[in-house]
Amino acid sequence: KSTMFNALAGMTISPVGVRRPTTSGVYACVWGSPTDAAPVLD
């Protein structure tokens, strides 16, 4: 899922690996103004 996340984003954001757990926290990629999306992300 992290590889898919990065592929959809077109950039490496979420770490990818084989250790457990791979994703230790939530990562967000925003299309558009990050300022406008800040209240939703908060």
All heavy atoms as atom14 arrays in JSON, in Angstrom:
{
  "sequence": "KSTMFNALAGMTISPVGVRRPTTSGVYACVWGSPTDAAPVLD",
  "atom14_mask": [
    [1, 1, 1, 1, 1, 1, 1, 1, 1, 0, 0, 0, 0, 0],
    [1, 1, 1, 1, 1, 1, 0, 0, 0, 0, 0, 0, 0, 0],
    [1, 1, 1, 1, 1, 1, 1, 0, 0, 0, 0, 0, 0, 0],
    [1, 1, 1, 1, 1, 1, 1, 1, 0, 0, 0, 0, 0, 0],
    [1, 1, 1, 1, 1, 1, 1, 1, 1, 1, 1, 0, 0, 0],
    [1, 1, 1, 1, 1, 1, 1, 1, 0, 0, 0, 0, 0, 0],
    [1, 1, 1, 1, 1, 0, 0, 0, 0, 0, 0, 0, 0, 0],
    [1, 1, 1, 1, 1, 1, 1, 1, 0, 0, 0, 0, 0, 0],
    [1, 1, 1, 1, 1, 0, 0, 0, 0, 0, 0, 0, 0, 0],
    [1, 1, 1, 1, 0, 0, 0, 0, 0, 0, 0, 0, 0, 0],
    [1, 1, 1, 1, 1, 1, 1, 1, 0, 0, 0, 0, 0, 0],
    [1, 1, 1, 1, 1, 1, 1, 0, 0, 0, 0, 0, 0, 0],
    [1, 1, 1, 1, 1, 1, 1, 1, 0, 0, 0, 0, 0, 0],
    [1, 1, 1, 1, 1, 1, 0, 0, 0, 0, 0, 0, 0, 0],
    [1, 1, 1, 1, 1, 1, 1, 0, 0, 0, 0, 0, 0, 0],
    [1, 1, 1, 1, 1, 1, 1, 0, 0, 0, 0, 0, 0, 0],
    [1, 1, 1, 1, 0, 0, 0, 0, 0, 0, 0, 0, 0, 0],
    [1, 1, 1, 1, 1, 1, 1, 0, 0, 0, 0, 0, 0, 0],
    [1, 1, 1, 1, 1, 1, 1, 1, 1, 1, 1, 0, 0, 0],
    [1, 1, 1, 1, 1, 1, 1, 1, 1, 1, 1, 0, 0, 0],
    [1, 1, 1, 1, 1, 1, 1, 0, 0, 0, 0, 0, 0, 0],
    [1, 1, 1, 1, 1, 1, 1, 0, 0, 0, 0, 0, 0, 0],
    [1, 1, 1, 1, 1, 1, 1, 0, 0, 0, 0, 0, 0, 0],
    [1, 1, 1, 1, 1, 1, 0, 0, 0, 0, 0, 0, 0, 0],
    [1, 1, 1, 1, 0, 0, 0, 0, 0, 0, 0, 0, 0, 0],
    [1, 1, 1, 1, 1, 1, 1, 0, 0, 0, 0, 0, 0, 0],
    [1, 1, 1, 1, 1, 1, 1, 1, 1, 1, 1, 1, 0, 0],
    [1, 1, 1, 1, 1, 0, 0, 0, 0, 0, 0, 0, 0, 0],
    [1, 1, 1, 1, 1, 1, 0, 0, 0, 0, 0, 0, 0, 0],
    [1, 1, 1, 1, 1, 1, 1, 0, 0, 0, 0, 0, 0, 0],
    [1, 1, 1, 1, 1, 1, 1, 1, 1, 1, 1, 1, 1, 1],
    [1, 1, 1, 1, 0, 0, 0, 0, 0, 0, 0, 0, 0, 0],
    [1, 1, 1, 1, 1, 1, 0, 0, 0, 0, 0, 0, 0, 0],
    [1, 1, 1, 1, 1, 1, 1, 0, 0, 0, 0, 0, 0, 0],
    [1, 1, 1, 1, 1, 1, 1, 0, 0, 0, 0, 0, 0, 0],
    [1, 1, 1, 1, 1, 1, 1, 1, 0, 0, 0, 0, 0, 0],
    [1, 1, 1, 1, 1, 0, 0, 0, 0, 0, 0, 0, 0, 0],
    [1, 1, 1, 1, 1, 0, 0, 0, 0, 0, 0, 0, 0, 0],
    [1, 1, 1, 1, 1, 1, 1, 0, 0, 0, 0, 0, 0, 0],
    [1, 1, 1, 1, 1, 1, 1, 0, 0, 0, 0, 0, 0, 0],
    [1, 1, 1, 1, 1, 1, 1, 1, 0, 0, 0, 0, 0, 0],
    [1, 1, 1, 1, 1, 1, 1, 1, 0, 0, 0, 0, 0, 0]
  ],
  "atom14_positions": [
    [[0.82, -1.2, 0.0], [0.0, 0.0, 0.0], [0.86, 1.27, 0.0], [0.49, 2.27, -0.63], [-0.96, 0.01, 1.19], [-0.32, -0.02, 2.55], [-1.37, -0.06, 3.65], [-0.69, -0.04, 5.01], [0.13, 1.15, 5.21], [0.0, 0.0, 0.0], [0.0, 0.0, 0.0], [0.0, 0.0, 0.0], [0.0, 0.0, 0.0], [0.0, 0.0, 0.0]],
    [[2.0, 1.23, 0.69], [2.87, 2.42, 0.68], [3.47, 2.64, -0.7], [3.62, 3.79, -1.16], [3.99, 2.27, 1.73], [3.43, 2.25, 3.03], [0.0, 0.0, 0.0], [0.0, 0.0, 0.0], [0.0, 0.0, 0.0], [0.0, 0.0, 0.0], [0.0, 0.0, 0.0], [0.0, 0.0, 0.0], [0.0, 0.0, 0.0], [0.0, 0.0, 0.0]],
    [[3.82, 1.55, -1.4], [4.32, 1.66, -2.77], [3.23, 2.23, -3.67], [3.5, 3.09, -4.54], [4.75, 0.28, -3.29], [5.75, -0.26, -2.41], [5.31, 0.38, -4.7], [0.0, 0.0, 0.0], [0.0, 0.0, 0.0], [0.0, 0.0, 0.0], [0.0, 0.0, 0.0], [0.0, 0.0, 0.0], [0.0, 0.0, 0.0], [0.0, 0.0, 0.0]],
    [[1.99, 1.78, -3.48], [0.88, 2.33, -4.26], [0.66, 3.81, -3.93], [0.41, 4.63, -4.83], [-0.41, 1.55, -3.99], [-1.61, 2.08, -4.75], [-3.1, 1.12, -4.45], [-2.66, -0.4, -5.27], [0.0, 0.0, 0.0], [0.0, 0.0, 0.0], [0.0, 0.0, 0.0], [0.0, 0.0, 0.0], [0.0, 0.0, 0.0], [0.0, 0.0, 0.0]],
    [[0.75, 4.14, -2.65], [0.6, 5.54, -2.24], [1.63, 6.41, -2.96], [1.31, 7.45, -3.52], [0.77, 5.62, -0.72], [0.79, 7.02, -0.17], [-0.39, 7.72, 0.06], [1.99, 7.65, 0.14], [-0.37, 9.01, 0.57], [2.02, 8.94, 0.64], [0.83, 9.63, 0.86], [0.0, 0.0, 0.0], [0.0, 0.0, 0.0], [0.0, 0.0, 0.0]],
    [[2.88, 5.97, -2.96], [3.92, 6.74, -3.62], [3.71, 6.8, -5.13], [3.96, 7.82, -5.77], [5.29, 6.13, -3.32], [5.67, 6.26, -1.85], [5.2, 7.17, -1.16], [6.51, 5.34, -1.35], [0.0, 0.0, 0.0], [0.0, 0.0, 0.0], [0.0, 0.0, 0.0], [0.0, 0.0, 0.0], [0.0, 0.0, 0.0], [0.0, 0.0, 0.0]],
    [[3.21, 5.68, -5.71], [2.98, 5.66, -7.15], [1.86, 6.62, -7.54], [1.96, 7.33, -8.56], [2.63, 4.23, -7.6], [0.0, 0.0, 0.0], [0.0, 0.0, 0.0], [0.0, 0.0, 0.0], [0.0, 0.0, 0.0], [0.0, 0.0, 0.0], [0.0, 0.0, 0.0], [0.0, 0.0, 0.0], [0.0, 0.0, 0.0], [0.0, 0.0, 0.0]],
    [[0.8, 6.65, -6.77], [-0.29, 7.58, -7.06], [0.16, 9.03, -6.86], [-0.26, 9.93, -7.6], [-1.5, 7.29, -6.16], [-2.27, 6.0, -6.45], [-3.3, 5.73, -5.37], [-2.97, 6.11, -7.82], [0.0, 0.0, 0.0], [0.0, 0.0, 0.0], [0.0, 0.0, 0.0], [0.0, 0.0, 0.0], [0.0, 0.0, 0.0], [0.0, 0.0, 0.0]],
    [[1.02, 9.24, -5.86], [1.52, 10.59, -5.62], [2.58, 10.99, -6.65], [2.82, 12.18, -6.87], [2.11, 10.68, -4.21], [0.0, 0.0, 0.0], [0.0, 0.0, 0.0], [0.0, 0.0, 0.0], [0.0, 0.0, 0.0], [0.0, 0.0, 0.0], [0.0, 0.0, 0.0], [0.0, 0.0, 0.0], [0.0, 0.0, 0.0], [0.0, 0.0, 0.0]],
    [[3.21, 9.99, -7.27], [4.27, 10.3, -8.23], [5.55, 10.73, -7.56], [6.4, 11.35, -8.19], [0.0, 0.0, 0.0], [0.0, 0.0, 0.0], [0.0, 0.0, 0.0], [0.0, 0.0, 0.0], [0.0, 0.0, 0.0], [0.0, 0.0, 0.0], [0.0, 0.0, 0.0], [0.0, 0.0, 0.0], [0.0, 0.0, 0.0], [0.0, 0.0, 0.0]],
    [[5.7, 10.41, -6.3], [6.89, 10.79, -5.56], [6.99, 9.9, -4.32], [6.0, 9.35, -3.85], [6.85, 12.27, -5.14], [5.58, 12.62, -4.35], [5.31, 14.4, -4.17], [6.75, 14.89, -3.26], [0.0, 0.0, 0.0], [0.0, 0.0, 0.0], [0.0, 0.0, 0.0], [0.0, 0.0, 0.0], [0.0, 0.0, 0.0], [0.0, 0.0, 0.0]],
    [[8.19, 9.72, -3.83], [8.39, 8.88, -2.66], [8.12, 9.7, -1.41], [8.86, 10.64, -1.1], [9.81, 8.31, -2.63], [10.02, 7.54, -3.82], [10.01, 7.42, -1.41], [0.0, 0.0, 0.0], [0.0, 0.0, 0.0], [0.0, 0.0, 0.0], [0.0, 0.0, 0.0], [0.0, 0.0, 0.0], [0.0, 0.0, 0.0], [0.0, 0.0, 0.0]],
    [[7.06, 9.32, -0.69], [6.67, 10.03, 0.54], [6.69, 9.08, 1.72], [7.36, 9.3, 2.71], [5.27, 10.65, 0.39], [5.26, 11.68, -0.75], [4.82, 11.27, 1.7], [3.89, 12.25, -1.05], [0.0, 0.0, 0.0], [0.0, 0.0, 0.0], [0.0, 0.0, 0.0], [0.0, 0.0, 0.0], [0.0, 0.0, 0.0], [0.0, 0.0, 0.0]],
    [[5.98, 7.98, 1.55], [5.87, 7.01, 2.62], [6.99, 5.98, 2.48], [7.25, 5.48, 1.38], [4.51, 6.32, 2.56], [4.33, 5.43, 3.64], [0.0, 0.0, 0.0], [0.0, 0.0, 0.0], [0.0, 0.0, 0.0], [0.0, 0.0, 0.0], [0.0, 0.0, 0.0], [0.0, 0.0, 0.0], [0.0, 0.0, 0.0], [0.0, 0.0, 0.0]],
    [[7.65, 5.64, 3.6], [8.76, 4.68, 3.51], [8.28, 3.3, 3.12], [7.21, 2.85, 3.53], [9.33, 4.69, 4.94], [8.21, 5.14, 5.81], [7.43, 6.11, 4.98], [0.0, 0.0, 0.0], [0.0, 0.0, 0.0], [0.0, 0.0, 0.0], [0.0, 0.0, 0.0], [0.0, 0.0, 0.0], [0.0, 0.0, 0.0], [0.0, 0.0, 0.0]],
    [[9.07, 2.62, 2.3], [8.75, 1.28, 1.83], [9.85, 0.35, 2.3], [11.03, 0.66, 2.18], [8.64, 1.24, 0.29], [8.35, -0.18, -0.18], [7.57, 2.2, -0.19], [0.0, 0.0, 0.0], [0.0, 0.0, 0.0], [0.0, 0.0, 0.0], [0.0, 0.0, 0.0], [0.0, 0.0, 0.0], [0.0, 0.0, 0.0], [0.0, 0.0, 0.0]],
    [[9.47, -0.81, 2.82], [10.48, -1.75, 3.28], [9.86, -3.09, 3.62], [8.7, -3.33, 3.37], [0.0, 0.0, 0.0], [0.0, 0.0, 0.0], [0.0, 0.0, 0.0], [0.0, 0.0, 0.0], [0.0, 0.0, 0.0], [0.0, 0.0, 0.0], [0.0, 0.0, 0.0], [0.0, 0.0, 0.0], [0.0, 0.0, 0.0], [0.0, 0.0, 0.0]],
    [[10.65, -3.94, 4.23], [10.18, -5.29, 4.54], [10.05, -5.51, 6.04], [9.59, -6.55, 6.48], [11.15, -6.35, 3.96], [11.12, -6.29, 2.45], [12.56, -6.14, 4.49], [0.0, 0.0, 0.0], [0.0, 0.0, 0.0], [0.0, 0.0, 0.0], [0.0, 0.0, 0.0], [0.0, 0.0, 0.0], [0.0, 0.0, 0.0], [0.0, 0.0, 0.0]],
    [[10.51, -4.56, 6.85], [10.41, -4.75, 8.28], [8.96, -4.54, 8.73], [8.18, -3.87, 8.06], [11.34, -3.78, 9.0], [11.0, -2.31, 8.77], [12.06, -1.4, 9.39], [11.77, 0.0, 9.1], [10.99, 0.77, 9.84], [10.36, 0.25, 10.89], [10.8, 2.05, 9.53], [0.0, 0.0, 0.0], [0.0, 0.0, 0.0], [0.0, 0.0, 0.0]],
    [[8.61, -5.09, 9.9], [7.26, -4.97, 10.44], [7.32, -4.08, 11.69], [8.14, -4.31, 12.56], [6.7, -6.35, 10.82], [6.45, -7.25, 9.64], [6.04, -8.63, 10.11], [4.85, -8.62, 10.96], [3.61, -8.71, 10.48], [3.41, -8.83, 9.19], [2.58, -8.71, 11.3], [0.0, 0.0, 0.0], [0.0, 0.0, 0.0], [0.0, 0.0, 0.0]],
    [[6.43, -3.09, 11.75], [5.55, -2.64, 10.68], [6.28, -1.69, 9.76], [7.17, -0.97, 10.18], [4.44, -1.9, 11.46], [5.15, -1.34, 12.65], [6.2, -2.36, 13.02], [0.0, 0.0, 0.0], [0.0, 0.0, 0.0], [0.0, 0.0, 0.0], [0.0, 0.0, 0.0], [0.0, 0.0, 0.0], [0.0, 0.0, 0.0], [0.0, 0.0, 0.0]],
    [[5.92, -1.7, 8.5], [6.56, -0.82, 7.52], [6.13, 0.62, 7.75], [6.96, 1.52, 7.88], [6.2, -1.27, 6.1], [6.64, -2.61, 5.94], [6.88, -0.38, 5.09], [0.0, 0.0, 0.0], [0.0, 0.0, 0.0], [0.0, 0.0, 0.0], [0.0, 0.0, 0.0], [0.0, 0.0, 0.0], [0.0, 0.0, 0.0], [0.0, 0.0, 0.0]],
    [[4.79, 0.88, 7.79], [4.27, 2.22, 7.97], [3.9, 2.4, 9.43], [2.99, 1.77, 9.94], [3.02, 2.45, 7.1], [3.33, 2.1, 5.75], [2.57, 3.89, 7.16], [0.0, 0.0, 0.0], [0.0, 0.0, 0.0], [0.0, 0.0, 0.0], [0.0, 0.0, 0.0], [0.0, 0.0, 0.0], [0.0, 0.0, 0.0], [0.0, 0.0, 0.0]],
    [[4.64, 3.28, 10.11], [4.44, 3.46, 11.55], [3.5, 4.6, 11.87], [3.11, 4.77, 13.02], [5.79, 3.69, 12.24], [6.41, 4.85, 11.71], [0.0, 0.0, 0.0], [0.0, 0.0, 0.0], [0.0, 0.0, 0.0], [0.0, 0.0, 0.0], [0.0, 0.0, 0.0], [0.0, 0.0, 0.0], [0.0, 0.0, 0.0], [0.0, 0.0, 0.0]],
    [[3.16, 5.4, 10.91], [2.26, 6.53, 11.14], [1.61, 6.93, 9.84], [1.97, 6.46, 8.77], [0.0, 0.0, 0.0], [0.0, 0.0, 0.0], [0.0, 0.0, 0.0], [0.0, 0.0, 0.0], [0.0, 0.0, 0.0], [0.0, 0.0, 0.0], [0.0, 0.0, 0.0], [0.0, 0.0, 0.0], [0.0, 0.0, 0.0], [0.0, 0.0, 0.0]],
    [[0.64, 7.83, 9.92], [-0.09, 8.25, 8.74], [0.71, 9.31, 7.98], [1.34, 10.18, 8.57], [-1.48, 8.79, 9.14], [-1.37, 9.99, 10.07], [-2.29, 9.14, 7.9], [0.0, 0.0, 0.0], [0.0, 0.0, 0.0], [0.0, 0.0, 0.0], [0.0, 0.0, 0.0], [0.0, 0.0, 0.0], [0.0, 0.0, 0.0], [0.0, 0.0, 0.0]],
    [[0.67, 9.2, 6.65], [1.28, 10.18, 5.76], [0.19, 10.75, 4.87], [-0.77, 10.04, 4.5], [2.39, 9.57, 4.89], [3.62, 9.2, 5.67], [3.71, 7.99, 6.36], [4.72, 10.05, 5.71], [4.84, 7.64, 7.07], [5.87, 9.71, 6.41], [5.93, 8.5, 7.11], [7.05, 8.18, 7.81], [0.0, 0.0, 0.0], [0.0, 0.0, 0.0]],
    [[0.31, 12.03, 4.52], [-0.7, 12.68, 3.7], [-0.06, 13.36, 2.51], [1.0, 13.99, 2.63], [-1.49, 13.71, 4.52], [0.0, 0.0, 0.0], [0.0, 0.0, 0.0], [0.0, 0.0, 0.0], [0.0, 0.0, 0.0], [0.0, 0.0, 0.0], [0.0, 0.0, 0.0], [0.0, 0.0, 0.0], [0.0, 0.0, 0.0], [0.0, 0.0, 0.0]],
    [[-0.7, 13.2, 1.35], [-0.28, 13.92, 0.14], [-1.48, 14.74, -0.33], [-2.58, 14.21, -0.51], [0.15, 12.94, -0.94], [0.73, 13.76, -2.45], [0.0, 0.0, 0.0], [0.0, 0.0, 0.0], [0.0, 0.0, 0.0], [0.0, 0.0, 0.0], [0.0, 0.0, 0.0], [0.0, 0.0, 0.0], [0.0, 0.0, 0.0], [0.0, 0.0, 0.0]],
    [[-1.27, 16.04, -0.52], [-2.35, 16.97, -0.84], [-2.18, 17.47, -2.27], [-1.1, 17.94, -2.65], [-2.36, 18.16, 0.13], [-3.46, 19.15, -0.25], [-2.53, 17.68, 1.56], [0.0, 0.0, 0.0], [0.0, 0.0, 0.0], [0.0, 0.0, 0.0], [0.0, 0.0, 0.0], [0.0, 0.0, 0.0], [0.0, 0.0, 0.0], [0.0, 0.0, 0.0]],
    [[-3.25, 17.36, -3.04], [-3.3, 17.97, -4.37], [-4.01, 19.31, -4.22], [-5.2, 19.37, -3.88], [-4.06, 17.09, -5.34], [-3.26, 15.98, -5.96], [-2.74, 15.96, -7.22], [-2.89, 14.74, -5.35], [-2.07, 14.79, -7.45], [-2.13, 14.01, -6.31], [-3.09, 14.17, -4.11], [-1.61, 12.75, -6.07], [-2.56, 12.91, -3.85], [-1.84, 12.22, -4.82]],
    [[-3.29, 20.37, -4.44], [-3.86, 21.71, -4.25], [-3.14, 22.43, -3.14], [-2.04, 22.06, -2.72], [0.0, 0.0, 0.0], [0.0, 0.0, 0.0], [0.0, 0.0, 0.0], [0.0, 0.0, 0.0], [0.0, 0.0, 0.0], [0.0, 0.0, 0.0], [0.0, 0.0, 0.0], [0.0, 0.0, 0.0], [0.0, 0.0, 0.0], [0.0, 0.0, 0.0]],
    [[-3.78, 23.48, -2.63], [-3.16, 24.32, -1.6], [-3.09, 23.6, -0.27], [-4.13, 23.18, 0.26], [-3.96, 25.62, -1.44], [-3.53, 26.33, -0.3], [0.0, 0.0, 0.0], [0.0, 0.0, 0.0], [0.0, 0.0, 0.0], [0.0, 0.0, 0.0], [0.0, 0.0, 0.0], [0.0, 0.0, 0.0], [0.0, 0.0, 0.0], [0.0, 0.0, 0.0]],
    [[-1.89, 23.44, 0.29], [-1.79, 22.81, 1.61], [-2.44, 23.65, 2.7], [-2.93, 23.11, 3.7], [-0.28, 22.66, 1.83], [0.34, 23.7, 0.94], [-0.56, 23.83, -0.25], [0.0, 0.0, 0.0], [0.0, 0.0, 0.0], [0.0, 0.0, 0.0], [0.0, 0.0, 0.0], [0.0, 0.0, 0.0], [0.0, 0.0, 0.0], [0.0, 0.0, 0.0]],
    [[-2.47, 24.96, 2.52], [-3.1, 25.83, 3.51], [-4.61, 25.59, 3.56], [-5.2, 25.53, 4.64], [-2.82, 27.31, 3.18], [-1.4, 27.51, 3.12], [-3.43, 28.22, 4.23], [0.0, 0.0, 0.0], [0.0, 0.0, 0.0], [0.0, 0.0, 0.0], [0.0, 0.0, 0.0], [0.0, 0.0, 0.0], [0.0, 0.0, 0.0], [0.0, 0.0, 0.0]],
    [[-5.21, 25.47, 2.38], [-6.66, 25.21, 2.33], [-7.02, 23.86, 2.94], [-8.09, 23.7, 3.52], [-7.16, 25.27, 0.89], [-7.05, 26.67, 0.31], [-6.92, 27.64, 1.1], [-7.09, 26.81, -0.94], [0.0, 0.0, 0.0], [0.0, 0.0, 0.0], [0.0, 0.0, 0.0], [0.0, 0.0, 0.0], [0.0, 0.0, 0.0], [0.0, 0.0, 0.0]],
    [[-6.11, 22.89, 2.77], [-6.39, 21.54, 3.28], [-6.04, 21.38, 4.75], [-6.38, 20.36, 5.36], [-5.62, 20.51, 2.46], [0.0, 0.0, 0.0], [0.0, 0.0, 0.0], [0.0, 0.0, 0.0], [0.0, 0.0, 0.0], [0.0, 0.0, 0.0], [0.0, 0.0, 0.0], [0.0, 0.0, 0.0], [0.0, 0.0, 0.0], [0.0, 0.0, 0.0]],
    [[-5.36, 22.38, 5.34], [-4.89, 22.26, 6.72], [-6.01, 21.97, 7.73], [-5.85, 21.1, 8.6], [-4.12, 23.52, 7.12], [0.0, 0.0, 0.0], [0.0, 0.0, 0.0], [0.0, 0.0, 0.0], [0.0, 0.0, 0.0], [0.0, 0.0, 0.0], [0.0, 0.0, 0.0], [0.0, 0.0, 0.0], [0.0, 0.0, 0.0], [0.0, 0.0, 0.0]],
    [[-7.17, 22.66, 7.67], [-8.22, 22.35, 8.65], [-8.69, 20.9, 8.58], [-8.94, 20.27, 9.62], [-9.34, 23.33, 8.27], [-8.66, 24.47, 7.6], [-7.53, 23.84, 6.84], [0.0, 0.0, 0.0], [0.0, 0.0, 0.0], [0.0, 0.0, 0.0], [0.0, 0.0, 0.0], [0.0, 0.0, 0.0], [0.0, 0.0, 0.0], [0.0, 0.0, 0.0]],
    [[-8.8, 20.37, 7.35], [-9.23, 18.98, 7.2], [-8.17, 18.04, 7.76], [-8.48, 17.07, 8.47], [-9.52, 18.66, 5.72], [-9.83, 17.17, 5.55], [-10.67, 19.5, 5.22], [0.0, 0.0, 0.0], [0.0, 0.0, 0.0], [0.0, 0.0, 0.0], [0.0, 0.0, 0.0], [0.0, 0.0, 0.0], [0.0, 0.0, 0.0], [0.0, 0.0, 0.0]],
    [[-6.9, 18.32, 7.47], [-5.82, 17.47, 7.98], [-5.71, 17.55, 9.49], [-5.4, 16.56, 10.16], [-4.5, 17.88, 7.31], [-4.39, 17.52, 5.83], [-3.19, 18.19, 5.2], [-4.3, 16.01, 5.66], [0.0, 0.0, 0.0], [0.0, 0.0, 0.0], [0.0, 0.0, 0.0], [0.0, 0.0, 0.0], [0.0, 0.0, 0.0], [0.0, 0.0, 0.0]],
    [[-5.94, 18.75, 10.04], [-5.94, 18.87, 11.51], [-7.04, 18.0, 12.11], [-6.83, 17.34, 13.13], [-6.16, 20.34, 11.91], [-4.96, 21.21, 11.59], [-3.85, 20.66, 11.43], [-5.14, 22.44, 11.5], [0.0, 0.0, 0.0], [0.0, 0.0, 0.0], [0.0, 0.0, 0.0], [0.0, 0.0, 0.0], [0.0, 0.0, 0.0], [0.0, 0.0, 0.0]]
  ]
}
